[in-house]
C-alpha cells in the first residue's frame, strides 16, 4: 500500500505544482504588495494621496506622452511615471486608468497629432537629437501628462527643465515631485467648490497687466478670486479664506486696519507682499538714478503687533540677477549683476520652501522678527552669505555697476525677507478701540475679538514685485522672468510662482498635499574615483564569483546524491 501511495504521489506532484504556480500568479496579478526599505519611503504613497485616490467616484484617465525610443534619462522618467501611476491604480481601483501615447499619434477621430494639441495647451516640447538604431534622429519630446476627470482636464508637467539632457539631480527632483503633481491635479479636479480668496484693492494695489500671471494662472485657476476694496467694504466676510495684499502704495487708515485685524482674529489667513520703500526701475531708467524713500503705508503697528517689522532699507546681494548696462557710453550693452535684484536660495527649512529653486526679488527690504507671546516665526526667504543693506533715503544709481562691487563690504549673511508667523495673534486694537469704531462693527453684527479664536497663520514678504510679472513686447511674461535678459544666455524663469503657490497652499489647503511635495529623495551617486580604482576587481568578482558558486553547488549536489543513493541501494553479499 505504501508503494502505491508513493507512485500516486510521484505522478500527482507535477500537476499539483503547476496548478499552485498558476494560482499564485493569478493572485499576484490581482493583488500587489512590496516592502519599502528606503530611508525616505521613496516607494510609499503618503496618507493624503491615498485619501484623495480612495474618494474618486468616477472614471479618471491619465494620458502620458512619453512613449517612444528616448535617451536613458527620459526612459527612466517614463519608467518612474509608470511605477507611480501603477501605485495610484492599486489604491484607486478599476476607475483609475492610464496609458502612454506617442506625440506622433493622431487624436482619435481626427487627423491632428497629439503633439500639436499639446502645443495649443501651452505644453511645449524639448527638441533633442537622439542616437537611435537607425542613426541620429531629431525628436520632439513632451514630458507631460493630461489628467481627465468628469469632463475636466489638467496638464501635468513631469519635467520642468528645457535641456535635452536630464542630469541625475534633475531626474531625482522630477521623481520626488511626481506623486504630488498627479495627486494635486486629481484633488483639484475632484473638488466641488474652490476656496474663496480676496485680493485687496483701494490702497494703490496693482490691477493692470502686471497681475496677469498672478490672477489668471494662479488665483483664478485654482481658487474663487474676488477683489475687495477695504475703503468701501464695511468688513471682510468670513466666506473668504485668505486676504492677499500685493504692493500697496497708499496709506492704510485705522478703519482699514481694523477690518484686516478682525478678519485675522476670526481665523482668516493673511498674505502680504509689500514694498515699504518707493523704488522703481522705470524711474531709474529715465534718470539713471533714483532716491528710495518710505511710502508711509502705516502698517508698521499692525505687523509689529503680529511679530514682524519691515525695515526702511534695501537688501543688496552678490547673488543677484542681471541687467544690461552701457559701460563705455557707446550704446553697446553688457550684462552685469544688479545687486538690487537679489536671488534668494531657499533653505528648505519648511514645507513652503522645500524643493523650491531660486526666487528673484526687486528692491527688497529686510525683515526683523519681534517678540510676540505665543507666536512661532519661520524664515521662508533670506539673503545669501554675501549681503549688505543700505538705509533710507538711499540713492540708487545706474553707475554703481560700472565698477565691480567690493566684496568685503558685503559681510552680512542670511538677512530675512519673508517670514511665516503662526499662533493666536493679539488684536492691535485691544484696550484701545474707539467707541465709534466698535459701534461700526456692531452695526454689521460683528463681535470684536481681542485675540484669535483659533491658531492662525500670516505670511509677510518684504517685496511686492515677487508675484508681479513683467511685460515684454506688449505681452505679459510669467512671474519670475526678467524681461531684460530675454533671448540672452541669462534668460531664466525663477521659482516665484512655485513659492507663491506653496504659500497659499500652506495657508488654506486642507488636503495636506504639501507634505507630499516636501518629500526628500536622497540622490545616491556612485563615487567616480572608487569606480575607476576598483573597476577591474569588481569585474572579476562579477564574472568569476557566479561560476565558482555554480561549481560549488554542483559538487555539493553530486556528493549528496552519491551519499544518499549509495546507502539506500547497497545490498550485502550472501555467502553460498
Protein backbone atom coordinates (compact mmCIF):
# COMPACT_ATOMS: atom_id res chain seq x y z
CA UNK A 1 0.00 0.00 0.00
CA UNK A 2 2.83 2.36 0.83
CA UNK A 3 4.40 1.70 -2.58
CA UNK A 4 1.10 2.54 -4.33
CA UNK A 5 0.87 5.83 -2.41
CA UNK A 6 4.42 6.72 -3.33
CA UNK A 7 3.70 6.04 -7.02
CA UNK A 8 0.49 8.12 -6.80
CA UNK A 9 2.24 10.98 -5.12
CA UNK A 10 5.03 10.78 -7.66
CA UNK A 11 2.58 11.14 -10.53
CA UNK A 12 0.49 13.89 -8.94
CA UNK A 13 3.20 16.22 -7.68
CA UNK A 14 3.85 17.83 -11.07
CA UNK A 15 0.20 18.75 -11.91
CA UNK A 16 -0.28 19.99 -8.34
CA UNK A 17 2.82 22.18 -8.59
CA UNK A 18 1.64 23.64 -11.93
CA UNK A 19 -1.82 24.41 -10.53
CA UNK A 20 -0.25 26.00 -7.45
CA UNK A 21 2.03 28.20 -9.58
CA UNK A 22 -0.88 29.29 -11.77
CA UNK A 23 -2.90 30.14 -8.67
CA UNK A 24 -0.05 32.20 -7.19
CA UNK A 25 0.47 34.08 -10.48
CA UNK A 26 -3.26 34.77 -10.76
CA UNK A 27 -3.41 36.20 -7.26
CA UNK A 28 -0.24 38.23 -7.91
CA UNK A 29 -1.84 39.83 -10.97
CA UNK A 30 -4.81 40.94 -8.85
CA UNK A 31 -3.06 41.90 -5.61
CA UNK A 32 0.33 43.58 -5.39
CA UNK A 33 2.47 44.23 -2.35
CA UNK A 34 6.00 45.37 -1.76
CA UNK A 35 8.14 46.40 1.14
CA UNK A 36 9.71 49.87 1.03
CA UNK A 37 13.13 49.65 2.68
CA UNK A 38 14.33 53.14 1.67
CA UNK A 39 15.00 55.65 4.45
CA UNK A 40 12.86 58.35 2.82
CA UNK A 41 10.00 55.90 2.00
CA UNK A 42 10.53 56.64 -1.67
CA UNK A 43 8.08 53.99 -2.88
CA UNK A 44 5.31 54.62 -0.34
CA UNK A 45 2.37 56.90 -1.13
CA UNK A 46 1.53 59.49 1.52
CA UNK A 47 -1.67 59.31 3.54
CA UNK A 48 -3.12 62.43 1.87
CA UNK A 49 -2.58 60.93 -1.60
CA UNK A 50 -4.29 57.68 -0.58
CA UNK A 51 -7.25 59.61 0.82
CA UNK A 52 -7.70 61.54 -2.45
CA UNK A 53 -7.49 58.35 -4.53
CA UNK A 54 -9.99 56.49 -2.35
CA UNK A 55 -12.53 59.31 -2.78
CA UNK A 56 -12.58 59.07 -6.58
CA UNK A 57 -16.19 58.39 -7.60
CA UNK A 58 -15.87 58.44 -11.39
CA UNK A 59 -13.52 57.24 -14.10
CA UNK A 60 -10.21 59.05 -14.24
CA UNK A 61 -7.98 58.85 -17.31
CA UNK A 62 -4.32 59.88 -17.44
CA UNK A 63 -2.51 60.12 -20.78
CA UNK A 64 1.29 60.25 -20.57
CA UNK A 65 3.16 61.39 -23.67
CA UNK A 66 6.43 59.58 -23.04
CA UNK A 67 6.10 56.67 -25.44
CA UNK A 68 8.97 56.01 -27.83
CA UNK A 69 12.69 55.49 -28.01
CA UNK A 70 14.37 58.11 -25.84
CA UNK A 71 17.78 58.69 -24.27
CA UNK A 72 18.33 56.99 -20.90
CA UNK A 73 17.22 60.00 -18.81
CA UNK A 74 13.80 60.28 -20.43
CA UNK A 75 13.41 56.48 -20.44
CA UNK A 76 13.94 56.42 -16.69
CA UNK A 77 11.48 59.30 -16.31
CA UNK A 78 8.90 57.28 -18.27
CA UNK A 79 9.53 54.18 -16.13
CA UNK A 80 9.22 56.20 -12.91
CA UNK A 81 5.94 57.69 -14.16
CA UNK A 82 4.55 54.24 -14.92
CA UNK A 83 5.56 52.93 -11.48
CA UNK A 84 3.94 55.91 -9.73
CA UNK A 85 0.69 55.59 -11.69
CA UNK A 86 0.59 51.84 -11.04
CA UNK A 87 0.78 52.61 -7.31
CA UNK A 88 -2.10 55.06 -7.76
CA UNK A 89 -4.13 52.40 -9.53
CA UNK A 90 -3.59 49.94 -6.67
CA UNK A 91 -5.32 52.38 -4.32
CA UNK A 92 -7.97 53.88 -6.65
CA UNK A 93 -9.06 50.63 -8.28
CA UNK A 94 -10.66 49.98 -11.66
CA UNK A 95 -11.83 53.60 -12.13
CA UNK A 96 -8.20 54.69 -12.45
CA UNK A 97 -6.84 54.21 -15.98
CA UNK A 98 -3.62 55.38 -17.59
CA UNK A 99 -1.81 54.81 -20.85
CA UNK A 100 1.29 56.03 -22.67
CA UNK A 101 0.86 57.77 -26.01
CA UNK A 102 3.36 58.87 -28.63
CA UNK A 103 3.02 62.57 -29.54
CA UNK A 104 3.22 61.49 -33.20
CA UNK A 105 -0.03 59.53 -32.94
CA UNK A 106 -3.21 61.20 -34.16
CA UNK A 107 -6.13 62.06 -31.91
CA UNK A 108 -8.91 59.51 -32.33
CA UNK A 109 -11.40 60.56 -34.99
CA UNK A 110 -9.17 63.35 -36.36
CA UNK A 111 -6.02 63.80 -38.39
CA UNK A 112 -4.44 66.07 -35.74
CA UNK A 113 -1.36 64.80 -33.91
CA UNK A 114 -1.28 64.81 -30.13
CA UNK A 115 1.87 66.95 -30.24
CA UNK A 116 0.01 69.80 -31.95
CA UNK A 117 -2.80 69.57 -29.38
CA UNK A 118 -0.33 69.79 -26.51
CA UNK A 119 1.30 72.88 -28.01
CA UNK A 120 -2.05 74.66 -28.17
CA UNK A 121 -2.43 73.93 -24.43
CA UNK A 122 0.87 75.69 -23.74
CA UNK A 123 2.85 72.48 -23.22
CA UNK A 124 5.86 72.83 -25.44
CA UNK A 125 8.32 70.07 -26.37
CA UNK A 126 12.03 69.64 -25.79
CA UNK A 127 13.91 69.47 -29.07
CA UNK A 128 16.69 66.91 -28.83
CA UNK A 129 18.89 64.79 -31.04
CA UNK A 130 18.82 61.09 -30.18
CA UNK A 131 21.17 58.33 -31.27
CA UNK A 132 18.73 55.59 -32.26
CA UNK A 133 19.17 52.28 -34.08
CA UNK A 134 18.53 53.94 -37.42
CA UNK A 135 21.13 56.61 -36.69
CA UNK A 136 20.92 60.14 -35.34
CA UNK A 137 17.39 61.50 -35.26
CA UNK A 138 15.82 64.75 -34.13
CA UNK A 139 12.96 64.29 -31.69
CA UNK A 140 10.35 66.44 -30.02
CA UNK A 141 9.87 65.09 -26.50
CA UNK A 142 6.80 66.04 -24.44
CA UNK A 143 7.49 65.11 -20.79
CA UNK A 144 3.88 65.90 -19.87
CA UNK A 145 0.62 64.17 -18.99
CA UNK A 146 -3.08 65.06 -19.17
CA UNK A 147 -5.37 64.17 -16.27
CA UNK A 148 -9.06 63.85 -17.23
CA UNK A 149 -11.87 63.62 -14.69
CA UNK A 150 -15.57 64.40 -15.05
CA UNK A 151 -15.10 66.29 -18.30
CA UNK A 152 -12.29 68.48 -16.97
CA UNK A 153 -8.62 68.33 -17.95
CA UNK A 154 -5.48 69.44 -16.09
CA UNK A 155 -1.99 69.19 -17.64
CA UNK A 156 0.87 67.87 -15.52
CA UNK A 157 4.46 68.86 -16.25
CA UNK A 158 6.70 65.89 -15.42
CA UNK A 159 10.00 67.67 -16.10
CA UNK A 160 10.17 71.45 -15.70
CA UNK A 161 13.55 71.87 -17.39
CA UNK A 162 14.13 72.56 -21.05
CA UNK A 163 17.51 70.91 -21.52
CA UNK A 164 18.00 67.98 -23.87
CA UNK A 165 19.90 66.01 -21.24
CA UNK A 166 18.49 65.26 -17.80
CA UNK A 167 21.12 65.24 -15.08
CA UNK A 168 20.76 62.73 -12.20
CA UNK A 169 19.89 65.61 -9.83
CA UNK A 170 17.11 66.90 -12.16
CA UNK A 171 15.72 63.40 -12.63
CA UNK A 172 15.78 62.84 -8.88
CA UNK A 173 13.89 66.12 -8.33
CA UNK A 174 11.32 65.21 -11.01
CA UNK A 175 10.71 61.82 -9.39
CA UNK A 176 10.37 63.43 -5.94
CA UNK A 177 7.62 65.79 -7.18
CA UNK A 178 5.77 63.26 -9.34
CA UNK A 179 3.41 61.95 -6.66
CA UNK A 180 2.48 65.50 -5.61
CA UNK A 181 1.84 66.71 -9.16
CA UNK A 182 -0.53 63.89 -10.04
CA UNK A 183 -2.27 63.90 -6.65
CA UNK A 184 -2.64 67.70 -6.75
CA UNK A 185 -4.20 67.56 -10.24
CA UNK A 186 -6.66 64.84 -9.16
CA UNK A 187 -7.52 66.76 -5.98
CA UNK A 188 -8.27 69.96 -7.92
CA UNK A 189 -10.43 68.09 -10.43
CA UNK A 190 -12.41 66.34 -7.70
CA UNK A 191 -13.16 69.48 -5.67
CA UNK A 192 -16.82 70.51 -5.81
CA UNK A 193 -16.06 74.11 -4.80
CA UNK A 194 -12.96 76.28 -4.79
CA UNK A 195 -11.76 78.18 -1.70
CA UNK A 196 -12.56 81.91 -1.84
CA UNK A 197 -9.67 84.39 -1.88
CA UNK A 198 -9.92 88.19 -1.57
CA UNK A 199 -7.48 90.42 -3.46
CA UNK A 200 -7.24 93.72 -1.61
CA UNK A 201 -7.80 96.95 -3.55
CA UNK A 202 -8.27 100.58 -2.55
CA UNK A 203 -4.70 101.29 -1.39
CA UNK A 204 -2.94 101.53 -4.73
CA UNK A 205 -2.52 97.79 -5.28
CA UNK A 206 -1.81 96.97 -8.95
CA UNK A 207 -4.67 95.62 -11.07
CA UNK A 208 -3.14 96.03 -14.52
CA UNK A 209 -1.21 93.70 -16.83
CA UNK A 210 1.43 93.19 -14.12
CA UNK A 211 -1.03 90.95 -12.28
CA UNK A 212 -1.91 88.83 -15.34
CA UNK A 213 0.09 85.75 -14.33
CA UNK A 214 -0.92 86.11 -10.68
CA UNK A 215 -4.63 86.38 -11.44
CA UNK A 216 -5.07 84.08 -14.44
CA UNK A 217 -2.50 81.35 -13.89
CA UNK A 218 -2.54 81.05 -10.10
CA UNK A 219 -5.56 82.54 -8.34
CA UNK A 220 -8.37 82.12 -10.88
CA UNK A 221 -7.05 78.73 -11.92
CA UNK A 222 -7.30 77.08 -8.51
CA UNK A 223 -9.39 79.42 -6.36
CA UNK A 224 -12.54 81.53 -6.36
CA UNK A 225 -10.99 85.01 -6.61
CA UNK A 226 -12.78 88.26 -5.75
CA UNK A 227 -11.46 91.79 -5.40
CA UNK A 228 -12.26 93.58 -2.15
CA UNK A 229 -11.96 97.33 -1.63
CA UNK A 230 -11.08 97.96 2.01
CA UNK A 231 -12.18 101.60 1.68
CA UNK A 232 -15.78 100.83 0.79
CA UNK A 233 -16.30 97.32 2.19
CA UNK A 234 -17.59 97.55 5.81
CA UNK A 235 -15.87 94.31 6.81
CA UNK A 236 -14.15 91.27 5.28
CA UNK A 237 -16.68 88.41 5.07
CA UNK A 238 -15.77 85.09 6.67
CA UNK A 239 -16.51 83.33 3.38
CA UNK A 240 -13.02 84.38 2.32
CA UNK A 241 -10.31 82.01 3.49
CA UNK A 242 -7.43 84.33 2.59
CA UNK A 243 -6.76 88.04 2.09
CA UNK A 244 -3.88 88.89 -0.26
CA UNK A 245 -2.31 92.36 -0.18
CA UNK A 246 0.11 92.99 -3.05
CA UNK A 247 2.35 96.05 -3.31
CA UNK A 248 0.13 98.76 -1.80
CA UNK A 249 1.24 102.34 -2.47
CA UNK A 250 -1.25 104.32 -0.35
CA UNK A 251 -1.52 104.54 3.43
CA UNK A 252 -3.95 102.33 5.34
CA UNK A 253 -6.40 104.04 7.68
CA UNK A 254 -7.24 102.79 11.17
CA UNK A 255 -10.63 101.65 9.88
CA UNK A 256 -8.98 99.55 7.17
CA UNK A 257 -6.50 98.06 9.63
CA UNK A 258 -9.38 97.17 11.96
CA UNK A 259 -11.06 95.25 9.13
CA UNK A 260 -7.85 93.33 8.46
CA UNK A 261 -7.21 92.78 12.15
CA UNK A 262 -10.66 91.37 12.91
CA UNK A 263 -10.55 89.18 9.80
CA UNK A 264 -7.37 87.63 11.22
CA UNK A 265 -8.85 87.35 14.72
CA UNK A 266 -11.81 85.39 13.30
CA UNK A 267 -9.48 82.90 11.61
CA UNK A 268 -8.90 84.46 8.18
CA UNK A 269 -5.42 83.98 6.72
CA UNK A 270 -3.27 86.93 5.62
CA UNK A 271 -0.61 87.04 2.87
CA UNK A 272 1.25 90.32 2.34
CA UNK A 273 3.75 91.23 -0.41
CA UNK A 274 4.83 94.77 0.41
CA UNK A 275 7.41 97.31 -0.71
CA UNK A 276 7.99 99.68 2.17
CA UNK A 277 10.21 101.95 0.08
CA UNK A 278 9.39 103.75 -3.14
CA UNK A 279 11.99 102.45 -5.62
CA UNK A 280 11.05 101.60 -9.21
CA UNK A 281 13.22 100.50 -12.10
CA UNK A 282 11.31 102.68 -14.58
CA UNK A 283 12.38 105.83 -12.71
CA UNK A 284 15.97 104.61 -12.69
CA UNK A 285 15.95 104.04 -16.46
CA UNK A 286 14.74 107.60 -17.10
CA UNK A 287 17.11 109.49 -14.81
CA UNK A 288 19.79 106.78 -14.25
CA UNK A 289 19.36 107.40 -10.55
CA UNK A 290 16.53 107.42 -8.04
CA UNK A 291 16.13 108.09 -4.32
CA UNK A 292 14.36 105.33 -2.40
CA UNK A 293 12.10 106.74 0.31
CA UNK A 294 9.46 105.48 2.74
CA UNK A 295 5.93 105.08 1.32
CA UNK A 296 4.42 105.63 4.80
CA UNK A 297 1.90 102.83 4.40
CA UNK A 298 1.02 102.97 8.12
CA UNK A 299 1.13 99.17 8.50
CA UNK A 300 4.08 99.14 10.91
CA UNK A 301 1.98 98.92 14.06
CA UNK A 302 -0.22 96.10 12.71
CA UNK A 303 2.72 93.92 11.62
CA UNK A 304 4.65 94.78 14.78
CA UNK A 305 1.76 93.51 16.90
CA UNK A 306 1.74 90.24 14.98
CA UNK A 307 5.51 89.76 15.34
CA UNK A 308 7.29 91.28 12.31
CA UNK A 309 8.80 94.58 11.21
CA UNK A 310 9.74 95.60 7.67
CA UNK A 311 12.80 97.85 7.82
CA UNK A 312 13.49 101.10 5.96
CA UNK A 313 16.37 99.68 3.95
CA UNK A 314 17.25 97.85 0.75
CA UNK A 315 18.99 94.48 0.54
CA UNK A 316 21.99 94.34 -1.81
CA UNK A 317 23.26 90.84 -2.60
CA UNK A 318 26.14 89.49 -4.66
CA UNK A 319 23.85 86.60 -5.58
CA UNK A 320 21.62 88.53 -7.96
CA UNK A 321 20.05 88.78 -11.42
CA UNK A 322 21.45 90.56 -14.48
CA UNK A 323 20.68 93.88 -16.16
CA UNK A 324 22.14 95.37 -19.36
CA UNK A 325 24.41 98.41 -18.88
CA UNK A 326 26.09 100.79 -21.30
CA UNK A 327 29.59 100.56 -19.88
CA UNK A 328 31.52 102.64 -22.41
CA UNK A 329 28.75 105.07 -23.32
CA UNK A 330 28.71 103.92 -26.95
CA UNK A 331 25.31 102.24 -26.82
CA UNK A 332 26.76 98.72 -26.65
CA UNK A 333 25.09 96.96 -23.73
CA UNK A 334 26.77 94.46 -21.46
CA UNK A 335 25.05 92.24 -18.90
CA UNK A 336 26.18 92.82 -15.33
CA UNK A 337 24.96 91.65 -11.94
CA UNK A 338 22.49 94.12 -10.40
CA UNK A 339 22.77 93.85 -6.62
CA UNK A 340 19.32 95.37 -6.03
CA UNK A 341 17.76 92.31 -7.74
CA UNK A 342 18.72 89.60 -5.21
CA UNK A 343 18.15 85.89 -5.80
CA UNK A 344 17.01 84.01 -2.72
CA UNK A 345 18.08 80.39 -2.41
CA UNK A 346 15.56 78.83 -0.04
CA UNK A 347 16.92 76.98 2.98
CA UNK A 348 14.34 74.14 2.77
CA UNK A 349 13.54 74.61 6.46
CA UNK A 350 9.76 74.44 5.92
CA UNK A 351 7.20 72.75 3.68
CA UNK A 352 6.66 76.07 1.87
CA UNK A 353 10.24 76.49 0.66
CA UNK A 354 11.36 72.85 0.45
CA UNK A 355 12.41 71.72 -3.04
CA UNK A 356 11.92 75.30 -4.34
CA UNK A 357 14.52 76.87 -6.61
CA UNK A 358 15.83 80.43 -6.67
CA UNK A 359 13.28 83.19 -6.04
CA UNK A 360 14.01 86.58 -7.61
CA UNK A 361 13.29 89.91 -5.93
CA UNK A 362 13.49 93.60 -6.84
CA UNK A 363 14.37 96.36 -4.40
CA UNK A 364 13.72 94.15 -1.39
CA UNK A 365 13.53 95.29 2.24
CA UNK A 366 14.78 93.32 5.22
CA UNK A 367 12.52 91.95 7.96
CA UNK A 368 13.06 91.73 11.71
CA UNK A 369 11.05 89.35 13.85
CA UNK A 370 9.58 90.87 17.02
CA UNK A 371 8.86 89.14 20.30
CA UNK A 372 5.15 88.24 20.37
CA UNK A 373 3.75 85.93 23.00
CA UNK A 374 2.76 82.52 21.67
CA UNK A 375 3.75 83.31 18.07
CA UNK A 376 6.09 80.97 16.19
CA UNK A 377 8.16 82.56 13.41
CA UNK A 378 9.79 80.74 10.49
CA UNK A 379 12.06 82.48 7.98
CA UNK A 380 10.98 81.46 4.47
CA UNK A 381 13.34 83.57 2.34
CA UNK A 382 16.69 85.09 3.25
CA UNK A 383 19.72 86.54 1.51
CA UNK A 384 22.98 84.79 0.67
CA UNK A 385 26.11 84.96 2.78
CA UNK A 386 27.39 87.99 0.83
CA UNK A 387 24.91 90.78 1.52
CA UNK A 388 24.67 94.32 2.77
CA UNK A 389 21.83 96.75 3.45
CA UNK A 390 21.53 100.44 2.61
CA UNK A 391 19.31 102.64 4.79
CA UNK A 392 16.76 105.13 3.55
CA UNK A 393 16.91 107.63 1.99
CA UNK A 394 19.06 105.59 -0.39
CA UNK A 395 20.41 106.87 -3.68
CA UNK A 396 20.26 104.16 -6.34
CA UNK A 397 22.39 104.91 -9.37
CA UNK A 398 22.90 103.03 -12.62
CA UNK A 399 26.57 104.00 -12.41
CA UNK A 400 27.07 101.69 -9.43
CA UNK A 401 27.58 98.65 -11.64
CA UNK A 402 30.23 100.22 -13.86
CA UNK A 403 32.76 99.11 -11.27
CA UNK A 404 32.62 95.69 -9.66
CA UNK A 405 31.22 95.80 -6.10
CA UNK A 406 33.66 95.48 -3.25
CA UNK A 407 33.19 92.00 -1.82
CA UNK A 408 34.49 92.99 1.60
CA UNK A 409 31.53 95.36 2.06
CA UNK A 410 29.04 92.50 1.60
CA UNK A 411 29.65 90.97 5.00
CA UNK A 412 26.12 90.24 6.21
CA UNK A 413 24.51 86.82 5.77
CA UNK A 414 21.04 85.30 5.79
CA UNK A 415 19.07 88.54 6.09
CA UNK A 416 15.35 87.62 6.40
CA UNK A 417 12.99 88.98 3.73
CA UNK A 418 9.97 86.67 4.20
CA UNK A 419 8.54 85.26 7.41
CA UNK A 420 5.72 82.91 8.40
CA UNK A 421 4.01 83.62 11.74
CA UNK A 422 1.75 81.08 13.45
CA UNK A 423 -0.24 81.14 16.68
CA UNK A 424 -3.02 83.05 18.45
CA UNK A 425 -2.39 86.66 17.47
CA UNK A 426 -3.38 89.55 19.73
CA UNK A 427 -5.54 92.31 18.25
CA UNK A 428 -3.81 95.62 17.52
CA UNK A 429 -6.87 97.42 18.94
CA UNK A 430 -7.02 95.54 22.23
CA UNK A 431 -7.85 98.09 25.00
CA UNK A 432 -7.60 100.99 22.54
CA UNK A 433 -10.60 100.57 20.24
CA UNK A 434 -12.56 103.85 19.90
CA UNK A 435 -16.28 103.59 20.61
CA UNK A 436 -17.13 104.88 17.14
CA UNK A 437 -15.24 102.02 15.50
CA UNK A 438 -16.73 99.49 17.94
CA UNK A 439 -20.22 100.71 17.11
CA UNK A 440 -19.50 100.39 13.38
CA UNK A 441 -18.63 96.73 13.90
CA UNK A 442 -21.78 96.09 15.92
CA UNK A 443 -23.93 97.74 13.26
CA UNK A 444 -22.97 94.86 10.95
CA UNK A 445 -23.32 92.18 13.61
CA UNK A 446 -19.56 91.78 14.08
CA UNK A 447 -18.41 90.97 17.60
CA UNK A 448 -14.99 92.45 18.37
CA UNK A 449 -12.37 89.76 19.06
CA UNK A 450 -9.36 90.82 21.20
CA UNK A 451 -7.48 87.61 20.29
CA UNK A 452 -7.57 84.93 17.59
CA UNK A 453 -10.34 82.43 18.29
CA UNK A 454 -8.16 79.66 16.78
CA UNK A 455 -4.50 79.29 15.85
CA UNK A 456 -3.87 81.29 12.70
CA UNK A 457 -1.19 81.91 10.06
CA UNK A 458 0.24 85.05 8.46
CA UNK A 459 2.98 85.36 5.82
CA UNK A 460 4.77 88.66 5.25
CA UNK A 461 7.15 89.16 2.29
CA UNK A 462 9.12 92.40 2.08
CA UNK A 463 8.87 92.69 -1.70
CA UNK A 464 5.79 93.43 -3.76
CA UNK A 465 7.38 92.59 -7.11
CA UNK A 466 7.96 88.90 -6.36
CA UNK A 467 4.43 87.98 -7.50
CA UNK A 468 4.10 90.53 -10.33
CA UNK A 469 5.01 89.80 -13.93
CA UNK A 470 6.95 91.96 -16.36
CA UNK A 471 5.84 92.89 -19.87
CA UNK A 472 7.91 92.11 -22.95
CA UNK A 473 6.87 93.37 -26.39
CA UNK A 474 3.44 94.30 -25.02
CA UNK A 475 2.89 90.73 -23.78
CA UNK A 476 2.79 89.67 -20.12
CA UNK A 477 5.60 87.36 -19.05
CA UNK A 478 5.43 84.65 -16.38
CA UNK A 479 6.32 85.91 -12.91
CA UNK A 480 9.94 85.33 -12.03
CA UNK A 481 11.25 86.23 -15.50
CA UNK A 482 13.49 89.19 -16.26
CA UNK A 483 12.47 90.98 -19.49
CA UNK A 484 15.95 92.45 -19.88
CA UNK A 485 17.59 89.01 -20.22
CA UNK A 486 15.00 87.61 -22.67
CA UNK A 487 16.73 85.94 -25.59
CA UNK A 488 20.14 86.09 -23.91
CA UNK A 489 22.18 83.35 -22.27
CA UNK A 490 20.99 84.67 -18.89
CA UNK A 491 17.29 84.08 -19.60
CA UNK A 492 15.76 82.03 -16.80
CA UNK A 493 12.41 81.58 -15.08
CA UNK A 494 12.83 81.69 -11.32
CA UNK A 495 10.63 79.86 -8.82
CA UNK A 496 8.47 82.85 -7.78
CA UNK A 497 5.23 81.21 -8.88
CA UNK A 498 6.03 77.97 -7.08
CA UNK A 499 6.86 79.89 -3.90
CA UNK A 500 3.55 81.79 -4.14
CA UNK A 501 1.56 78.59 -4.74
CA UNK A 502 3.21 76.96 -1.74
CA UNK A 503 2.42 79.96 0.47
CA UNK A 504 -1.27 79.92 -0.49
CA UNK A 505 -1.43 76.14 -0.27
CA UNK A 506 0.02 76.08 3.24
CA UNK A 507 -2.29 78.85 4.46
CA UNK A 508 -5.60 77.43 3.26
CA UNK A 509 -5.10 73.90 1.86
CA UNK A 510 -6.80 71.22 3.95
CA UNK A 511 -5.68 68.20 1.90
CA UNK A 512 -2.18 68.02 3.39
CA UNK A 513 -0.62 67.55 -0.05
CA UNK A 514 2.24 69.93 0.70
CA UNK A 515 3.68 67.21 2.94
CA UNK A 516 3.85 65.06 -0.18
CA UNK A 517 5.61 67.82 -2.09
CA UNK A 518 8.17 68.13 0.69
CA UNK A 519 9.31 64.54 0.28
CA UNK A 520 13.08 64.24 0.05
CA UNK A 521 14.62 61.78 -2.37
CA UNK A 522 18.24 61.21 -1.47
CA UNK A 523 20.41 61.11 -4.57
CA UNK A 524 22.93 58.34 -4.05
CA UNK A 525 25.60 58.89 -6.67
CA UNK A 526 28.47 56.44 -7.15
CA UNK A 527 31.97 57.68 -6.35
CA UNK A 528 33.70 58.01 -9.74
CA UNK A 529 37.20 57.76 -8.19
CA UNK A 530 36.36 54.46 -6.48
CA UNK A 531 34.75 53.18 -9.68
CA UNK A 532 37.94 53.78 -11.66
CA UNK A 533 40.19 52.38 -8.93
CA UNK A 534 38.16 49.21 -8.28
CA UNK A 535 36.80 48.61 -11.78
CA UNK A 536 38.89 45.51 -12.57
CA UNK A 537 38.31 43.97 -9.14
CA UNK A 538 34.52 44.21 -9.40
CA UNK A 539 34.53 42.95 -12.99
CA UNK A 540 36.47 39.90 -11.82
CA UNK A 541 34.07 39.35 -8.94
CA UNK A 542 31.02 39.63 -11.19
CA UNK A 543 32.39 37.16 -13.73
CA UNK A 544 34.27 34.61 -11.62
CA UNK A 545 32.16 34.50 -8.44
CA UNK A 546 28.93 33.25 -10.11
CA UNK A 547 30.90 30.47 -11.86
CA UNK A 548 32.51 29.41 -8.58
CA UNK A 549 29.12 29.41 -6.83
CA UNK A 550 27.64 27.18 -9.56
CA UNK A 551 30.59 24.77 -9.38
CA UNK A 552 30.34 24.63 -5.58
CA UNK A 553 26.66 23.77 -5.57
CA UNK A 554 27.17 21.22 -8.40
CA UNK A 555 29.86 19.43 -6.42
CA UNK A 556 27.76 19.61 -3.25
CA UNK A 557 24.73 18.20 -5.08
CA UNK A 558 26.71 15.31 -6.59
CA UNK A 559 28.19 14.49 -3.20
CA UNK A 560 24.75 14.49 -1.60
CA UNK A 561 23.28 12.22 -4.33
CA UNK A 562 26.17 9.78 -4.12
CA UNK A 563 25.92 9.62 -0.31
CA UNK A 564 22.13 9.17 -0.32
CA UNK A 565 21.72 6.54 -3.02
CA UNK A 566 24.85 4.55 -2.20
CA UNK A 567 23.40 3.83 1.27
CA UNK A 568 19.84 3.21 0.07
CA UNK A 569 20.53 0.60 -2.62
CA UNK A 570 23.65 -1.12 -1.28
CA UNK A 571 22.96 -4.92 -0.73
CA UNK A 572 25.30 -7.12 1.34
CA UNK A 573 26.81 -10.16 -0.46
CA UNK A 574 25.39 -13.54 0.53
CA UNK A 575 27.67 -16.45 1.15
CA UNK A 576 26.89 -19.62 -0.70
